[in-house]
Amino acid sequence: MNRKKKLNQILNSRLKKQNAKLHKSNKPRYISKADRAKLEAEQQANEQVEVVEVNDESVVAG
């Protein structure tokens, strides 16, 4: 490779890297399988608590 081509290649690669850092991906952040299971269990526990609270309020109101 001649010198000009090599210099241009280096400069273009630097530009590509800088542009890649500017444009962030819209891809959602990865959540591990264990974390997903943990979050799902917490949501189910919260839903059960809400159902119990709603049932208690209907008894009080009735």
PDB file of N, CA and C in Angstrom:
ATOM      1  N   MET A   1       0.835  -1.184   0.000  1.00  0.00           N
ATOM      2  CA  MET A   1       0.000   0.000   0.000  1.00  0.00           C
ATOM      3  C   MET A   1       0.879   1.247   0.000  1.00  0.00           C
ATOM      4  N   ASN A   2       0.466   2.191  -0.779  1.00  0.00           N
ATOM      5  CA  ASN A   2       1.266   3.414  -0.748  1.00  0.00           C
ATOM      6  C   ASN A   2       0.898   4.253   0.480  1.00  0.00           C
ATOM      7  N   ARG A   3       1.694   5.281   0.720  1.00  0.00           N
ATOM      8  CA  ARG A   3       1.525   6.074   1.945  1.00  0.00           C
ATOM      9  C   ARG A   3       0.194   6.809   1.988  1.00  0.00           C
ATOM     10  N   LYS A   4      -0.220   7.396   0.877  1.00  0.00           N
ATOM     11  CA  LYS A   4      -1.478   8.152   0.873  1.00  0.00           C
ATOM     12  C   LYS A   4      -2.670   7.262   1.181  1.00  0.00           C
ATOM     13  N   LYS A   5      -2.679   6.112   0.576  1.00  0.00           N
ATOM     14  CA  LYS A   5      -3.787   5.188   0.793  1.00  0.00           C
ATOM     15  C   LYS A   5      -3.829   4.749   2.259  1.00  0.00           C
ATOM     16  N   LYS A   6      -2.693   4.452   2.820  1.00  0.00           N
ATOM     17  CA  LYS A   6      -2.627   4.010   4.215  1.00  0.00           C
ATOM     18  C   LYS A   6      -3.092   5.115   5.162  1.00  0.00           C
ATOM     19  N   LEU A   7      -2.647   6.361   4.916  1.00  0.00           N
ATOM     20  CA  LEU A   7      -3.081   7.484   5.760  1.00  0.00           C
ATOM     21  C   LEU A   7      -4.583   7.707   5.640  1.00  0.00           C
ATOM     22  N   ASN A   8      -5.098   7.655   4.421  1.00  0.00           N
ATOM     23  CA  ASN A   8      -6.539   7.837   4.229  1.00  0.00           C
ATOM     24  C   ASN A   8      -7.329   6.726   4.914  1.00  0.00           C
ATOM     25  N   GLN A   9      -6.819   5.535   4.853  1.00  0.00           N
ATOM     26  CA  GLN A   9      -7.485   4.409   5.494  1.00  0.00           C
ATOM     27  C   GLN A   9      -7.538   4.610   7.013  1.00  0.00           C
ATOM     28  N   ILE A  10      -6.448   5.068   7.602  1.00  0.00           N
ATOM     29  CA  ILE A  10      -6.398   5.315   9.047  1.00  0.00           C
ATOM     30  C   ILE A  10      -7.368   6.421   9.433  1.00  0.00           C
ATOM     31  N   LEU A  11      -7.353   7.526   8.670  1.00  0.00           N
ATOM     32  CA  LEU A  11      -8.246   8.645   8.987  1.00  0.00           C
ATOM     33  C   LEU A  11      -9.716   8.253   8.823  1.00  0.00           C
ATOM     34  N   ASN A  12     -10.020   7.504   7.778  1.00  0.00           N
ATOM     35  CA  ASN A  12     -11.407   7.070   7.574  1.00  0.00           C
ATOM     36  C   ASN A  12     -11.866   6.134   8.678  1.00  0.00           C
ATOM     37  N   SER A  13     -10.984   5.270   9.152  1.00  0.00           N
ATOM     38  CA  SER A  13     -11.372   4.368  10.232  1.00  0.00           C
ATOM     39  C   SER A  13     -11.637   5.152  11.515  1.00  0.00           C
ATOM     40  N   ARG A  14     -10.853   6.184  11.777  1.00  0.00           N
ATOM     41  CA  ARG A  14     -11.088   7.025  12.959  1.00  0.00           C
ATOM     42  C   ARG A  14     -12.432   7.739  12.859  1.00  0.00           C
ATOM     43  N   LEU A  15     -12.745   8.263  11.668  1.00  0.00           N
ATOM     44  CA  LEU A  15     -14.032   8.929  11.466  1.00  0.00           C
ATOM     45  C   LEU A  15     -15.197   7.964  11.686  1.00  0.00           C
ATOM     46  N   LYS A  16     -15.058   6.761  11.176  1.00  0.00           N
ATOM     47  CA  LYS A  16     -16.109   5.763  11.351  1.00  0.00           C
ATOM     48  C   LYS A  16     -16.331   5.459  12.835  1.00  0.00           C
ATOM     49  N   LYS A  17     -15.256   5.341  13.591  1.00  0.00           N
ATOM     50  CA  LYS A  17     -15.373   5.059  15.020  1.00  0.00           C
ATOM     51  C   LYS A  17     -16.050   6.206  15.760  1.00  0.00           C
ATOM     52  N   GLN A  18     -15.701   7.450  15.401  1.00  0.00           N
ATOM     53  CA  GLN A  18     -16.317   8.610  16.045  1.00  0.00           C
ATOM     54  C   GLN A  18     -17.801   8.672  15.725  1.00  0.00           C
ATOM     55  N   ASN A  19     -18.157   8.421  14.474  1.00  0.00           N
ATOM     56  CA  ASN A  19     -19.567   8.444  14.092  1.00  0.00           C
ATOM     57  C   ASN A  19     -20.348   7.322  14.761  1.00  0.00           C
ATOM     58  N   ALA A  20     -19.732   6.186  14.926  1.00  0.00           N
ATOM     59  CA  ALA A  20     -20.401   5.070  15.583  1.00  0.00           C
ATOM     60  C   ALA A  20     -20.717   5.406  17.039  1.00  0.00           C
ATOM     61  N   LYS A  21     -19.847   6.145  17.698  1.00  0.00           N
ATOM     62  CA  LYS A  21     -20.095   6.531  19.088  1.00  0.00           C
ATOM     63  C   LYS A  21     -21.237   7.539  19.184  1.00  0.00           C
ATOM     64  N   LEU A  22     -21.399   8.386  18.168  1.00  0.00           N
ATOM     65  CA  LEU A  22     -22.454   9.390  18.193  1.00  0.00           C
ATOM     66  C   LEU A  22     -23.834   8.772  18.011  1.00  0.00           C
ATOM     67  N   HIS A  23     -23.937   7.756  17.195  1.00  0.00           N
ATOM     68  CA  HIS A  23     -25.228   7.157  16.871  1.00  0.00           C
ATOM     69  C   HIS A  23     -25.451   5.930  17.740  1.00  0.00           C
ATOM     70  N   LYS A  24     -26.217   6.126  18.793  1.00  0.00           N
ATOM     71  CA  LYS A  24     -26.491   5.025  19.706  1.00  0.00           C
ATOM     72  C   LYS A  24     -27.568   4.118  19.118  1.00  0.00           C
ATOM     73  N   SER A  25     -27.553   2.897  19.509  1.00  0.00           N
ATOM     74  CA  SER A  25     -28.503   1.910  19.016  1.00  0.00           C
ATOM     75  C   SER A  25     -29.842   2.065  19.726  1.00  0.00           C
ATOM     76  N   ASN A  26     -30.911   1.736  19.025  1.00  0.00           N
ATOM     77  CA  ASN A  26     -32.248   1.760  19.615  1.00  0.00           C
ATOM     78  C   ASN A  26     -32.612   0.406  20.218  1.00  0.00           C
ATOM     79  N   LYS A  27     -31.665  -0.498  20.205  1.00  0.00           N
ATOM     80  CA  LYS A  27     -31.894  -1.829  20.718  1.00  0.00           C
ATOM     81  C   LYS A  27     -32.073  -1.769  22.237  1.00  0.00           C
ATOM     82  N   PRO A  28     -33.067  -2.479  22.779  1.00  0.00           N
ATOM     83  CA  PRO A  28     -33.248  -2.460  24.235  1.00  0.00           C
ATOM     84  C   PRO A  28     -32.089  -3.139  24.949  1.00  0.00           C
ATOM     85  N   ARG A  29     -31.850  -2.716  26.169  1.00  0.00           N
ATOM     86  CA  ARG A  29     -30.754  -3.249  26.962  1.00  0.00           C
ATOM     87  C   ARG A  29     -31.029  -4.706  27.308  1.00  0.00           C
ATOM     88  N   TYR A  30     -30.002  -5.539  27.283  1.00  0.00           N
ATOM     89  CA  TYR A  30     -30.158  -6.967  27.568  1.00  0.00           C
ATOM     90  C   TYR A  30     -30.420  -7.191  29.048  1.00  0.00           C
ATOM     91  N   ILE A  31     -31.420  -8.037  29.334  1.00  0.00           N
ATOM     92  CA  ILE A  31     -31.731  -8.423  30.704  1.00  0.00           C
ATOM     93  C   ILE A  31     -31.588  -9.940  30.777  1.00  0.00           C
ATOM     94  N   SER A  32     -30.792 -10.407  31.700  1.00  0.00           N
ATOM     95  CA  SER A  32     -30.519 -11.842  31.787  1.00  0.00           C
ATOM     96  C   SER A  32     -31.783 -12.614  32.154  1.00  0.00           C
ATOM     97  N   LYS A  33     -31.747 -13.896  31.877  1.00  0.00           N
ATOM     98  CA  LYS A  33     -32.898 -14.761  32.121  1.00  0.00           C
ATOM     99  C   LYS A  33     -33.256 -14.781  33.613  1.00  0.00           C
ATOM    100  N   ALA A  34     -32.252 -14.814  34.473  1.00  0.00           N
ATOM    101  CA  ALA A  34     -32.490 -14.838  35.921  1.00  0.00           C
ATOM    102  C   ALA A  34     -33.152 -13.537  36.383  1.00  0.00           C
ATOM    103  N   ASP A  35     -32.681 -12.402  35.836  1.00  0.00           N
ATOM    104  CA  ASP A  35     -33.274 -11.114  36.201  1.00  0.00           C
ATOM    105  C   ASP A  35     -34.716 -11.005  35.713  1.00  0.00           C
ATOM    106  N   ARG A  36     -34.983 -11.548  34.514  1.00  0.00           N
ATOM    107  CA  ARG A  36     -36.355 -11.522  34.000  1.00  0.00           C
ATOM    108  C   ARG A  36     -37.279 -12.341  34.886  1.00  0.00           C
ATOM    109  N   ALA A  37     -36.817 -13.500  35.331  1.00  0.00           N
ATOM    110  CA  ALA A  37     -37.620 -14.348  36.212  1.00  0.00           C
ATOM    111  C   ALA A  37     -37.878 -13.647  37.544  1.00  0.00           C
ATOM    112  N   LYS A  38     -36.863 -12.980  38.049  1.00  0.00           N
ATOM    113  CA  LYS A  38     -36.986 -12.253  39.320  1.00  0.00           C
ATOM    114  C   LYS A  38     -38.007 -11.117  39.203  1.00  0.00           C
ATOM    115  N   LEU A  39     -37.930 -10.349  38.108  1.00  0.00           N
ATOM    116  CA  LEU A  39     -38.883  -9.256  37.889  1.00  0.00           C
ATOM    117  C   LEU A  39     -40.308  -9.781  37.730  1.00  0.00           C
ATOM    118  N   GLU A  40     -40.450 -10.897  37.021  1.00  0.00           N
ATOM    119  CA  GLU A  40     -41.772 -11.480  36.828  1.00  0.00           C
ATOM    120  C   GLU A  40     -42.366 -11.933  38.156  1.00  0.00           C
ATOM    121  N   ALA A  41     -41.551 -12.527  39.016  1.00  0.00           N
ATOM    122  CA  ALA A  41     -42.017 -12.974  40.330  1.00  0.00           C
ATOM    123  C   ALA A  41     -42.451 -11.779  41.179  1.00  0.00           C
ATOM    124  N   GLU A  42     -41.695 -10.695  41.113  1.00  0.00           N
ATOM    125  CA  GLU A  42     -42.062  -9.493  41.866  1.00  0.00           C
ATOM    126  C   GLU A  42     -43.381  -8.911  41.367  1.00  0.00           C
ATOM    127  N   GLN A  43     -43.579  -8.896  40.055  1.00  0.00           N
ATOM    128  CA  GLN A  43     -44.828  -8.370  39.498  1.00  0.00           C
ATOM    129  C   GLN A  43     -46.014  -9.225  39.924  1.00  0.00           C
ATOM    130  N   GLN A  44     -45.846 -10.541  39.922  1.00  0.00           N
ATOM    131  CA  GLN A  44     -46.932 -11.425  40.340  1.00  0.00           C
ATOM    132  C   GLN A  44     -47.256 -11.219  41.811  1.00  0.00           C
ATOM    133  N   ALA A  45     -46.246 -11.010  42.636  1.00  0.00           N
ATOM    134  CA  ALA A  45     -46.464 -10.764  44.058  1.00  0.00           C
ATOM    135  C   ALA A  45     -47.223  -9.450  44.257  1.00  0.00           C
ATOM    136  N   ASN A  46     -46.863  -8.417  43.485  1.00  0.00           N
ATOM    137  CA  ASN A  46     -47.556  -7.134  43.579  1.00  0.00           C
ATOM    138  C   ASN A  46     -49.003  -7.244  43.127  1.00  0.00           C
ATOM    139  N   GLU A  47     -49.254  -8.035  42.092  1.00  0.00           N
ATOM    140  CA  GLU A  47     -50.630  -8.208  41.612  1.00  0.00           C
ATOM    141  C   GLU A  47     -51.472  -8.923  42.655  1.00  0.00           C
ATOM    142  N   GLN A  48     -50.903  -9.907  43.335  1.00  0.00           N
ATOM    143  CA  GLN A  48     -51.641 -10.626  44.368  1.00  0.00           C
ATOM    144  C   GLN A  48     -51.986  -9.702  45.526  1.00  0.00           C
ATOM    145  N   VAL A  49     -51.069  -8.821  45.890  1.00  0.00           N
ATOM    146  CA  VAL A  49     -51.314  -7.874  46.975  1.00  0.00           C
ATOM    147  C   VAL A  49     -52.421  -6.911  46.578  1.00  0.00           C
ATOM    148  N   GLU A  50     -52.426  -6.456  45.331  1.00  0.00           N
ATOM    149  CA  GLU A  50     -53.460  -5.534  44.864  1.00  0.00           C
ATOM    150  C   GLU A  50     -54.822  -6.206  44.856  1.00  0.00           C
ATOM    151  N   VAL A  51     -54.892  -7.466  44.462  1.00  0.00           N
ATOM    152  CA  VAL A  51     -56.168  -8.198  44.434  1.00  0.00           C
ATOM    153  C   VAL A  51     -56.705  -8.335  45.843  1.00  0.00           C
ATOM    154  N   VAL A  52     -55.852  -8.637  46.813  1.00  0.00           N
ATOM    155  CA  VAL A  52     -56.277  -8.771  48.203  1.00  0.00           C
ATOM    156  C   VAL A  52     -56.797  -7.431  48.706  1.00  0.00           C
ATOM    157  N   GLU A  53     -56.126  -6.339  48.379  1.00  0.00           N
ATOM    158  CA  GLU A  53     -56.563  -5.018  48.818  1.00  0.00           C
ATOM    159  C   GLU A  53     -57.902  -4.657  48.211  1.00  0.00           C
ATOM    160  N   VAL A  54     -58.129  -4.971  46.954  1.00  0.00           N
ATOM    161  CA  VAL A  54     -59.396  -4.672  46.291  1.00  0.00           C
ATOM    162  C   VAL A  54     -60.509  -5.476  46.937  1.00  0.00           C
ATOM    163  N   ASN A  55     -60.260  -6.743  47.259  1.00  0.00           N
ATOM    164  CA  ASN A  55     -61.278  -7.573  47.909  1.00  0.00           C
ATOM    165  C   ASN A  55     -61.609  -7.038  49.294  1.00  0.00           C
ATOM    166  N   ASP A  56     -60.639  -6.583  50.050  1.00  0.00           N
ATOM    167  CA  ASP A  56     -60.873  -6.028  51.376  1.00  0.00           C
ATOM    168  C   ASP A  56     -61.713  -4.765  51.292  1.00  0.00           C
ATOM    169  N   GLU A  57     -61.472  -3.921  50.308  1.00  0.00           N
ATOM    170  CA  GLU A  57     -62.223  -2.674  50.157  1.00  0.00           C
ATOM    171  C   GLU A  57     -63.667  -2.946  49.792  1.00  0.00           C
ATOM    172  N   SER A  58     -63.937  -3.968  48.972  1.00  0.00           N
ATOM    173  CA  SER A  58     -65.318  -4.276  48.599  1.00  0.00           C
ATOM    174  C   SER A  58     -66.106  -4.788  49.790  1.00  0.00           C
ATOM    175  N   VAL A  59     -65.462  -5.519  50.702  1.00  0.00           N
ATOM    176  CA  VAL A  59     -66.131  -6.013  51.893  1.00  0.00           C
ATOM    177  C   VAL A  59     -66.458  -4.842  52.817  1.00  0.00           C
ATOM    178  N   VAL A  60     -65.550  -3.899  52.950  1.00  0.00           N
ATOM    179  CA  VAL A  60     -65.745  -2.740  53.806  1.00  0.00           C
ATOM    180  C   VAL A  60     -66.851  -1.849  53.223  1.00  0.00           C
ATOM    181  N   ALA A  61     -66.852  -1.672  51.917  1.00  0.00           N
ATOM    182  CA  ALA A  61     -67.825  -0.800  51.275  1.00  0.00           C
ATOM    183  C   ALA A  61     -69.203  -1.430  51.275  1.00  0.00           C
ATOM    184  N   GLY A  62     -69.304  -2.765  51.256  1.00  0.00           N
ATOM    185  CA  GLY A  62     -70.595  -3.470  51.137  1.00  0.00           C
ATOM    186  C   GLY A  62     -71.268  -3.633  52.409  1.00  0.00           C
TER     187      GLY A  62
END
